[in-house]
Amino acid sequence: IANIINLMTKPRWCLGMAGTRRHTFGNLVGHVKGVSNMKSLSSWTNEQFDPRLSWEDVAWVKAQWGGKLILKGIQDVEDAKLAVQSGADAIVVSNHGGRQLDGAQSSIEALPAIVAAVGEQIEVWMDGGIRSGQDVLKAWALGARGVLIGRAAVYGLGAMGEEGVTKALQIIHKELDVTMAFCGHTSIQNVNTNILLPGTFPTA
């Protein structure tokens, strides 16, 4: 009921959404054999998980591709080291939003140990739970050299389209600047764990 009442206060947005075409994964539907709608896409996706895949396959992909290879979904030190050995150029510490294992360690908890183990050999990024500029700064302070931001962008897109995405990123950027200033920094390159309260963050 609360959602219905909320929608009633936004008739322009509702009419705009009602007039849009049904969204789908355009890069797959209609291009992959047997995938013509969301139901068949779900079945096809489930068939793509191959338990025989190994780190040798990652090295093979790297050799075939020849370009930069970034591995997402690294959650522990052992996998991070194997990623380096496989030839990856960067890794993304991520638990995929907890969709695979909802009891998995959070990305921010796993980050420090991974950075300590391989941060000098490979660029480490992080995703999951980044909702503000303050979150970006915390991830940087713990060693991430980049973050992936999805939900804020999607919220902006849903609310205002392309303009909303731009607005969401501008808000995060401003929050990052303000938070950094409150911590006494004008350059992110000088930010480290000294900005964090002792005992409030995981250590390697």
Protein backbone atom coordinates (compact mmCIF):
# COMPACT_ATOMS: atom_id res chain seq x y z
CA ILE A 1 0.00 0.00 0.00
CA ALA A 2 2.82 2.38 0.86
CA ASN A 3 4.36 1.83 -2.60
CA ILE A 4 1.02 2.43 -4.35
CA ILE A 5 0.55 5.70 -2.45
CA ASN A 6 4.09 6.71 -3.32
CA LEU A 7 3.49 6.00 -7.04
CA MET A 8 0.26 8.04 -6.96
CA THR A 9 2.30 11.09 -5.98
CA LYS A 10 4.48 10.70 -9.11
CA PRO A 11 2.07 10.48 -12.07
CA ARG A 12 4.58 11.88 -14.58
CA TRP A 13 7.17 9.22 -13.74
CA CYS A 14 4.53 6.46 -13.83
CA LEU A 15 3.28 7.52 -17.26
CA GLY A 16 6.84 7.72 -18.53
CA MET A 17 7.60 4.19 -17.29
CA ALA A 18 4.34 2.85 -18.73
CA GLY A 19 5.35 4.17 -22.14
CA THR A 20 8.76 2.51 -22.25
CA ARG A 21 9.36 -0.77 -24.00
CA ARG A 22 10.02 -3.90 -21.99
CA HIS A 23 13.71 -4.08 -21.14
CA THR A 24 15.83 -7.16 -21.70
CA PHE A 25 19.47 -8.19 -22.12
CA GLY A 26 19.90 -6.90 -25.66
CA ASN A 27 23.45 -8.17 -25.97
CA LEU A 28 22.22 -11.78 -25.56
CA VAL A 29 18.52 -12.08 -26.42
CA GLY A 30 18.23 -12.57 -30.15
CA HIS A 31 21.98 -13.11 -30.56
CA VAL A 32 22.53 -16.35 -28.69
CA LYS A 33 20.99 -19.47 -30.24
CA GLY A 34 17.86 -20.52 -28.37
CA VAL A 35 17.64 -17.33 -26.31
CA SER A 36 14.61 -15.31 -27.32
CA ASN A 37 13.16 -14.11 -24.02
CA MET A 38 13.98 -13.75 -20.33
CA LYS A 39 12.86 -17.29 -19.48
CA SER A 40 15.11 -18.93 -22.05
CA LEU A 41 17.89 -16.52 -21.03
CA SER A 42 17.65 -17.80 -17.45
CA SER A 43 17.92 -21.40 -18.62
CA TRP A 44 20.89 -20.58 -20.86
CA THR A 45 22.65 -18.76 -18.01
CA ASN A 46 22.30 -21.76 -15.71
CA GLU A 47 23.93 -23.94 -18.38
CA GLN A 48 27.03 -21.71 -18.52
CA PHE A 49 28.43 -22.82 -15.15
CA ASP A 50 31.15 -25.38 -15.85
CA PRO A 51 32.76 -27.03 -12.79
CA ARG A 52 35.70 -28.11 -14.95
CA LEU A 53 36.95 -24.54 -15.35
CA SER A 54 40.38 -23.92 -13.85
CA TRP A 55 43.03 -21.23 -13.54
CA GLU A 56 44.67 -22.68 -16.64
CA ASP A 57 41.54 -21.64 -18.53
CA VAL A 58 41.99 -18.07 -17.28
CA ALA A 59 45.57 -18.06 -18.58
CA TRP A 60 44.29 -19.44 -21.91
CA VAL A 61 41.67 -16.68 -22.19
CA LYS A 62 44.37 -14.10 -21.45
CA ALA A 63 46.59 -15.53 -24.20
CA GLN A 64 43.74 -15.63 -26.74
CA TRP A 65 42.47 -12.17 -25.86
CA GLY A 66 45.84 -10.42 -25.76
CA GLY A 67 44.37 -7.39 -24.01
CA LYS A 68 43.82 -6.42 -20.40
CA LEU A 69 42.13 -9.08 -18.30
CA ILE A 70 40.24 -8.18 -15.11
CA LEU A 71 38.91 -10.91 -12.82
CA LYS A 72 35.90 -10.13 -10.65
CA GLY A 73 34.80 -12.19 -7.67
CA ILE A 74 38.06 -12.63 -5.78
CA GLN A 75 37.32 -13.20 -2.08
CA ASP A 76 40.44 -14.65 -0.51
CA VAL A 77 44.21 -14.37 -0.58
CA GLU A 78 44.81 -17.73 -2.25
CA ASP A 79 42.59 -16.86 -5.22
CA ALA A 80 44.21 -13.43 -5.45
CA LYS A 81 47.65 -15.03 -5.74
CA LEU A 82 46.38 -17.49 -8.34
CA ALA A 83 44.88 -14.57 -10.29
CA VAL A 84 48.31 -12.95 -10.41
CA GLN A 85 49.89 -16.20 -11.60
CA SER A 86 47.24 -16.59 -14.30
CA GLY A 87 48.27 -13.28 -15.86
CA ALA A 88 45.33 -11.11 -14.80
CA ASP A 89 45.99 -7.36 -14.98
CA ALA A 90 43.59 -6.42 -12.18
CA ILE A 91 41.20 -8.09 -9.77
CA VAL A 92 37.90 -6.99 -8.29
CA VAL A 93 37.28 -8.04 -4.70
CA SER A 94 33.60 -8.92 -4.80
CA ASN A 95 31.05 -11.33 -3.39
CA HIS A 96 28.63 -10.45 -6.22
CA GLY A 97 26.30 -8.67 -3.82
CA GLY A 98 25.86 -11.84 -1.76
CA ARG A 99 23.70 -13.36 -4.51
CA GLN A 100 25.73 -16.57 -4.73
CA LEU A 101 26.31 -17.17 -1.00
CA ASP A 102 24.38 -14.81 1.25
CA GLY A 103 26.63 -15.71 4.18
CA ALA A 104 29.85 -14.87 2.35
CA GLN A 105 32.32 -12.39 3.75
CA SER A 106 31.68 -8.82 2.61
CA SER A 107 34.01 -7.30 0.04
CA ILE A 108 35.25 -4.58 2.41
CA GLU A 109 36.16 -7.24 4.99
CA ALA A 110 38.11 -9.30 2.47
CA LEU A 111 39.88 -6.32 0.91
CA PRO A 112 42.78 -5.55 3.34
CA ALA A 113 44.25 -9.06 3.39
CA ILE A 114 44.11 -9.31 -0.40
CA VAL A 115 45.74 -5.91 -0.84
CA ALA A 116 48.49 -6.89 1.61
CA ALA A 117 49.13 -10.12 -0.30
CA VAL A 118 49.10 -8.94 -3.93
CA GLY A 119 48.59 -5.17 -3.95
CA GLU A 120 52.14 -4.51 -5.12
CA GLN A 121 51.83 -6.99 -8.00
CA ILE A 122 48.38 -6.27 -9.37
CA GLU A 123 45.81 -3.48 -9.24
CA VAL A 124 43.03 -4.26 -6.76
CA TRP A 125 39.50 -2.89 -7.11
CA MET A 126 36.39 -3.52 -5.04
CA ASP A 127 32.64 -3.60 -5.47
CA GLY A 128 29.65 -4.19 -3.25
CA GLY A 129 28.03 -1.77 -0.85
CA ILE A 130 29.36 1.43 -2.41
CA ARG A 131 26.49 3.87 -1.85
CA SER A 132 28.25 7.17 -1.15
CA GLY A 133 31.46 9.12 -1.58
CA GLN A 134 32.36 8.18 1.99
CA ASP A 135 32.19 4.51 1.01
CA VAL A 136 34.53 5.20 -1.91
CA LEU A 137 37.04 6.85 0.42
CA LYS A 138 36.90 3.96 2.91
CA ALA A 139 37.60 1.46 0.13
CA TRP A 140 40.53 3.57 -1.08
CA ALA A 141 41.90 3.87 2.46
CA LEU A 142 41.87 0.08 2.75
CA GLY A 143 43.81 -0.34 -0.48
CA ALA A 144 41.32 -0.47 -3.34
CA ARG A 145 42.45 1.58 -6.33
CA GLY A 146 39.03 1.64 -7.89
CA VAL A 147 35.42 0.81 -7.02
CA LEU A 148 32.52 -0.39 -9.11
CA ILE A 149 29.27 1.45 -8.50
CA GLY A 150 26.09 -0.12 -9.83
CA ARG A 151 23.10 0.46 -7.60
CA ALA A 152 23.43 4.24 -7.31
CA ALA A 153 23.65 4.50 -11.09
CA VAL A 154 20.61 2.27 -11.55
CA TYR A 155 18.63 4.33 -9.04
CA GLY A 156 19.55 7.49 -10.92
CA LEU A 157 18.63 5.89 -14.24
CA GLY A 158 15.26 4.77 -12.93
CA ALA A 159 14.45 8.19 -11.52
CA MET A 160 15.73 10.56 -14.22
CA GLY A 161 17.26 8.57 -17.07
CA GLU A 162 20.74 9.54 -18.29
CA GLU A 163 20.52 12.82 -16.37
CA GLY A 164 19.85 10.83 -13.21
CA VAL A 165 22.97 8.71 -13.66
CA THR A 166 25.06 11.86 -14.09
CA LYS A 167 23.43 13.37 -11.00
CA ALA A 168 24.09 10.24 -8.91
CA LEU A 169 27.78 10.24 -9.85
CA GLN A 170 28.04 13.98 -9.14
CA ILE A 171 26.57 13.43 -5.66
CA ILE A 172 29.07 10.65 -4.93
CA HIS A 173 31.91 12.81 -6.22
CA LYS A 174 30.89 15.72 -4.01
CA GLU A 175 30.52 13.45 -0.98
CA LEU A 176 34.00 12.10 -1.64
CA ASP A 177 35.46 15.61 -1.77
CA VAL A 178 33.66 16.73 1.40
CA THR A 179 34.62 13.59 3.34
CA MET A 180 38.23 13.93 2.26
CA ALA A 181 38.25 17.57 3.38
CA PHE A 182 36.82 16.63 6.78
CA CYS A 183 39.66 14.12 7.11
CA GLY A 184 42.20 16.85 6.38
CA HIS A 185 43.15 15.82 2.83
CA THR A 186 43.05 17.57 -0.52
CA SER A 187 44.54 14.68 -2.52
CA ILE A 188 43.25 11.11 -2.45
CA GLN A 189 46.79 9.90 -3.06
CA ASN A 190 47.60 10.83 0.55
CA VAL A 191 44.67 8.92 2.04
CA ASN A 192 45.34 5.69 3.95
CA THR A 193 44.01 3.87 7.02
CA ASN A 194 44.99 6.83 9.23
CA ILE A 195 41.59 8.38 8.39
CA LEU A 196 39.76 5.40 9.90
CA LEU A 197 39.01 4.90 13.58
CA PRO A 198 41.17 2.09 15.03
CA GLY A 199 39.19 -1.09 15.57
CA THR A 200 36.45 -0.14 13.10
CA PHE A 201 37.98 -1.77 10.04
CA PRO A 202 39.44 -5.17 9.19
CA THR A 203 43.22 -5.55 9.05
CA ALA A 204 45.32 -7.85 6.89
